[in-house]
Amino acid sequence: MYYKIFDTITWKYIEPHVPTNPNALVLDAGGGTGRWTARMTKKGCRVVLIDAQIECLMLPLALADHLQA
């Protein structure tokens, strides 16, 4: 429950700053499993996700492969 409330409040403050232009490029540094990356791409911009822990990047990579198939 806490995380759902946290996500809702956090996205409320992030969303107005996310570009909707498909040519815009956003860097999600330290983005972990891509929680915010997914939401930002739905707004229309391109997002580069990086994280120091390769394990964190496995989930978004698997999801991206699934969406492209």
Protein backbone atom coordinates (compact mmCIF):
# COMPACT_ATOMS: atom_id res chain seq x y z
CA MET A 1 0.00 0.00 0.00
CA TYR A 2 2.80 2.40 0.93
CA TYR A 3 4.50 2.00 -2.45
CA LYS A 4 1.30 2.67 -4.36
CA ILE A 5 0.82 5.94 -2.46
CA PHE A 6 4.51 6.82 -2.88
CA ASP A 7 4.36 6.15 -6.64
CA THR A 8 1.20 8.21 -7.09
CA ILE A 9 2.60 11.21 -5.22
CA THR A 10 6.02 10.99 -6.86
CA TRP A 11 4.58 10.71 -10.38
CA LYS A 12 2.39 13.75 -9.69
CA TYR A 13 5.56 15.82 -9.32
CA ILE A 14 7.60 14.14 -12.07
CA GLU A 15 4.98 14.04 -14.83
CA PRO A 16 4.77 17.79 -15.57
CA HIS A 17 8.50 17.78 -16.37
CA VAL A 18 8.47 14.78 -18.72
CA PRO A 19 8.58 15.86 -22.36
CA THR A 20 5.94 14.53 -24.74
CA ASN A 21 7.94 15.27 -27.88
CA PRO A 22 8.97 11.95 -29.52
CA ASN A 23 12.36 13.53 -30.36
CA ALA A 24 13.06 14.29 -26.70
CA LEU A 25 15.56 12.08 -24.94
CA VAL A 26 15.48 11.57 -21.15
CA LEU A 27 18.22 9.94 -19.07
CA ASP A 28 16.90 7.82 -16.21
CA ALA A 29 20.16 7.49 -14.25
CA GLY A 30 20.00 4.99 -11.44
CA GLY A 31 16.59 3.95 -12.71
CA GLY A 32 16.76 0.42 -11.34
CA THR A 33 14.02 -1.79 -12.74
CA GLY A 34 12.59 0.99 -14.90
CA ARG A 35 9.56 1.97 -12.83
CA TRP A 36 9.69 5.58 -14.05
CA THR A 37 11.16 4.71 -17.46
CA ALA A 38 7.99 2.89 -18.45
CA ARG A 39 5.78 5.81 -17.45
CA MET A 40 7.98 8.32 -19.25
CA THR A 41 7.95 6.35 -22.49
CA LYS A 42 4.15 6.23 -22.34
CA LYS A 43 4.22 10.05 -22.34
CA GLY A 44 5.93 9.88 -25.75
CA CYS A 45 9.61 10.61 -25.19
CA ARG A 46 12.57 8.28 -25.60
CA VAL A 47 14.29 7.19 -22.39
CA VAL A 48 17.76 5.81 -21.74
CA LEU A 49 17.85 3.74 -18.56
CA ILE A 50 21.14 3.13 -16.76
CA ASP A 51 21.89 1.54 -13.42
CA ALA A 52 25.05 0.31 -11.70
CA GLN A 53 23.49 -3.05 -10.83
CA ILE A 54 23.11 -5.17 -13.94
CA GLU A 55 20.55 -7.35 -12.12
CA CYS A 56 18.17 -4.39 -11.96
CA LEU A 57 18.31 -3.94 -15.73
CA MET A 58 17.28 -7.51 -16.49
CA LEU A 59 13.57 -6.84 -15.88
CA PRO A 60 13.26 -3.85 -18.23
CA LEU A 61 15.30 -5.68 -20.88
CA ALA A 62 12.96 -8.67 -20.70
CA LEU A 63 9.91 -6.41 -20.90
CA ALA A 64 11.35 -4.51 -23.87
CA ASP A 65 12.04 -7.79 -25.71
CA HIS A 66 8.49 -8.94 -24.98
CA LEU A 67 6.96 -5.70 -26.28
CA GLN A 68 8.97 -5.79 -29.51
CA ALA A 69 8.02 -9.42 -30.26
